[in-house]
């Protein structure tokens, strides 16, 4: 399974001191499996599903791009341990002309 953690985004100017013109939206996806091969299989399926996807937030964004991959982590009670891998994705949208 996958847990999705979105962030509100970050607005930034193209130049120091200028009006904000761009928004970078980020999301973390925690891909979970019963073991490492299972977590990696989930991560591969997430990557396949998000390849070149563009979000619509009033206007189209750049395609989602993988920006970070976290380490494999194993946790949980004895007899019900799970392994996870976190994928980070980002998309950009140009808000207005500077």
C-alpha atoms as a PDB file:
ATOM      1  CA  UNK A   1       0.000   0.000   0.000  1.00  0.00           C
ATOM      2  CA  UNK A   2       0.965   3.676  -0.308  1.00  0.00           C
ATOM      3  CA  UNK A   3       0.544   6.541   2.167  1.00  0.00           C
ATOM      4  CA  UNK A   4       0.492   9.990   0.546  1.00  0.00           C
ATOM      5  CA  UNK A   5       1.656  13.088   2.420  1.00  0.00           C
ATOM      6  CA  UNK A   6       1.100  16.323   0.523  1.00  0.00           C
ATOM      7  CA  UNK A   7       2.537  19.724   1.336  1.00  0.00           C
ATOM      8  CA  UNK A   8       0.901  23.104   0.680  1.00  0.00           C
ATOM      9  CA  UNK A   9       3.676  24.101  -1.721  1.00  0.00           C
ATOM     10  CA  UNK A  10       6.211  26.895  -1.756  1.00  0.00           C
ATOM     11  CA  UNK A  11       5.838  30.150  -3.679  1.00  0.00           C
ATOM     12  CA  UNK A  12       9.014  31.843  -4.860  1.00  0.00           C
ATOM     13  CA  UNK A  13      10.143  34.754  -7.046  1.00  0.00           C
ATOM     14  CA  UNK A  14      12.265  34.330 -10.145  1.00  0.00           C
ATOM     15  CA  UNK A  15      14.556  37.121  -8.921  1.00  0.00           C
ATOM     16  CA  UNK A  16      15.517  38.287  -5.438  1.00  0.00           C
ATOM     17  CA  UNK A  17      13.117  41.007  -4.312  1.00  0.00           C
ATOM     18  CA  UNK A  18      10.667  40.399  -7.152  1.00  0.00           C
ATOM     19  CA  UNK A  19       7.016  39.370  -6.858  1.00  0.00           C
ATOM     20  CA  UNK A  20       6.379  35.649  -6.394  1.00  0.00           C
ATOM     21  CA  UNK A  21       5.810  33.965  -9.728  1.00  0.00           C
ATOM     22  CA  UNK A  22       6.296  30.226  -9.248  1.00  0.00           C
ATOM     23  CA  UNK A  23       4.815  27.522  -7.033  1.00  0.00           C
ATOM     24  CA  UNK A  24       6.614  24.268  -6.256  1.00  0.00           C
ATOM     25  CA  UNK A  25       4.238  21.580  -4.990  1.00  0.00           C
ATOM     26  CA  UNK A  26       5.741  18.537  -3.260  1.00  0.00           C
ATOM     27  CA  UNK A  27       4.405  15.180  -2.127  1.00  0.00           C
ATOM     28  CA  UNK A  28       5.945  12.266  -0.214  1.00  0.00           C
ATOM     29  CA  UNK A  29       4.749   8.735  -0.960  1.00  0.00           C
ATOM     30  CA  UNK A  30       5.558   6.009   1.563  1.00  0.00           C
ATOM     31  CA  UNK A  31       5.534   2.672  -0.308  1.00  0.00           C
ATOM     32  CA  UNK A  32       4.966  -0.240   2.064  1.00  0.00           C
ATOM     33  CA  UNK A  33       5.367  -3.993   1.617  1.00  0.00           C
ATOM     34  CA  UNK A  34       5.689  -7.075   3.806  1.00  0.00           C
ATOM     35  CA  UNK A  35       9.427  -7.128   3.009  1.00  0.00           C
ATOM     36  CA  UNK A  36      11.988  -5.190   0.941  1.00  0.00           C
ATOM     37  CA  UNK A  37      11.076  -6.780  -2.424  1.00  0.00           C
ATOM     38  CA  UNK A  38       7.402  -5.988  -1.711  1.00  0.00           C
ATOM     39  CA  UNK A  39       8.142  -2.340  -0.845  1.00  0.00           C
ATOM     40  CA  UNK A  40      10.269  -1.970  -3.994  1.00  0.00           C
ATOM     41  CA  UNK A  41       7.467  -3.491  -6.098  1.00  0.00           C
ATOM     42  CA  UNK A  42       5.032  -0.915  -4.704  1.00  0.00           C
ATOM     43  CA  UNK A  43       7.567   1.872  -5.410  1.00  0.00           C
ATOM     44  CA  UNK A  44       7.942   0.671  -9.026  1.00  0.00           C
ATOM     45  CA  UNK A  45       4.155   0.708  -9.463  1.00  0.00           C
ATOM     46  CA  UNK A  46       3.952   4.243  -8.059  1.00  0.00           C
ATOM     47  CA  UNK A  47       6.706   5.373 -10.453  1.00  0.00           C
ATOM     48  CA  UNK A  48       4.872   3.790 -13.401  1.00  0.00           C
ATOM     49  CA  UNK A  49       1.604   5.487 -12.403  1.00  0.00           C
ATOM     50  CA  UNK A  50       3.168   8.956 -11.972  1.00  0.00           C
ATOM     51  CA  UNK A  51       5.460   8.975 -15.011  1.00  0.00           C
ATOM     52  CA  UNK A  52       4.939  12.311 -16.835  1.00  0.00           C
ATOM     53  CA  UNK A  53       1.685  13.084 -14.968  1.00  0.00           C
ATOM     54  CA  UNK A  54       0.756  16.784 -14.950  1.00  0.00           C
ATOM     55  CA  UNK A  55      -1.393  18.189 -12.147  1.00  0.00           C
ATOM     56  CA  UNK A  56      -4.115  20.763 -12.700  1.00  0.00           C
ATOM     57  CA  UNK A  57      -4.266  23.530 -10.105  1.00  0.00           C
ATOM     58  CA  UNK A  58      -6.068  26.244 -12.055  1.00  0.00           C
ATOM     59  CA  UNK A  59      -3.440  25.719 -14.753  1.00  0.00           C
ATOM     60  CA  UNK A  60      -1.275  22.778 -15.788  1.00  0.00           C
ATOM     61  CA  UNK A  61       1.951  22.083 -13.919  1.00  0.00           C
ATOM     62  CA  UNK A  62       5.237  20.706 -15.121  1.00  0.00           C
ATOM     63  CA  UNK A  63       5.273  16.895 -15.140  1.00  0.00           C
ATOM     64  CA  UNK A  64       5.764  15.329 -11.702  1.00  0.00           C
ATOM     65  CA  UNK A  65       9.423  14.494 -11.179  1.00  0.00           C
ATOM     66  CA  UNK A  66      10.966  12.218  -8.583  1.00  0.00           C
ATOM     67  CA  UNK A  67      13.178  14.412  -6.416  1.00  0.00           C
ATOM     68  CA  UNK A  68      14.293  12.119  -3.600  1.00  0.00           C
ATOM     69  CA  UNK A  69      14.275   8.483  -2.550  1.00  0.00           C
ATOM     70  CA  UNK A  70      14.504   7.598   1.122  1.00  0.00           C
ATOM     71  CA  UNK A  71      16.176   4.548   2.636  1.00  0.00           C
ATOM     72  CA  UNK A  72      14.341   1.286   3.202  1.00  0.00           C
ATOM     73  CA  UNK A  73      12.986   1.132   6.762  1.00  0.00           C
ATOM     74  CA  UNK A  74      11.560  -1.861   8.628  1.00  0.00           C
ATOM     75  CA  UNK A  75       9.259  -1.379  11.612  1.00  0.00           C
ATOM     76  CA  UNK A  76       6.268  -2.840  13.412  1.00  0.00           C
ATOM     77  CA  UNK A  77       5.495  -5.402  16.087  1.00  0.00           C
ATOM     78  CA  UNK A  78       7.037  -8.865  15.988  1.00  0.00           C
ATOM     79  CA  UNK A  79       5.086 -11.002  13.543  1.00  0.00           C
ATOM     80  CA  UNK A  80       3.712  -7.961  11.642  1.00  0.00           C
ATOM     81  CA  UNK A  81       6.814  -6.113  10.486  1.00  0.00           C
ATOM     82  CA  UNK A  82       6.597  -3.976   7.335  1.00  0.00           C
ATOM     83  CA  UNK A  83       9.249  -2.421   5.115  1.00  0.00           C
ATOM     84  CA  UNK A  84       8.822   0.996   3.509  1.00  0.00           C
ATOM     85  CA  UNK A  85      10.586   3.188   0.978  1.00  0.00           C
ATOM     86  CA  UNK A  86       9.729   6.888   0.652  1.00  0.00           C
ATOM     87  CA  UNK A  87       9.590   8.592  -2.743  1.00  0.00           C
ATOM     88  CA  UNK A  88       9.497  12.383  -3.057  1.00  0.00           C
ATOM     89  CA  UNK A  89       7.900  14.082  -6.069  1.00  0.00           C
ATOM     90  CA  UNK A  90       7.597  17.731  -7.115  1.00  0.00           C
ATOM     91  CA  UNK A  91       5.790  19.756  -9.763  1.00  0.00           C
ATOM     92  CA  UNK A  92       6.110  23.427 -10.689  1.00  0.00           C
ATOM     93  CA  UNK A  93       3.505  25.891 -11.925  1.00  0.00           C
ATOM     94  CA  UNK A  94       4.174  29.384 -13.234  1.00  0.00           C
ATOM     95  CA  UNK A  95       1.694  31.675 -11.471  1.00  0.00           C
ATOM     96  CA  UNK A  96       2.117  34.971 -13.313  1.00  0.00           C
ATOM     97  CA  UNK A  97       4.496  37.101 -15.291  1.00  0.00           C
ATOM     98  CA  UNK A  98       7.098  38.966 -13.249  1.00  0.00           C
END
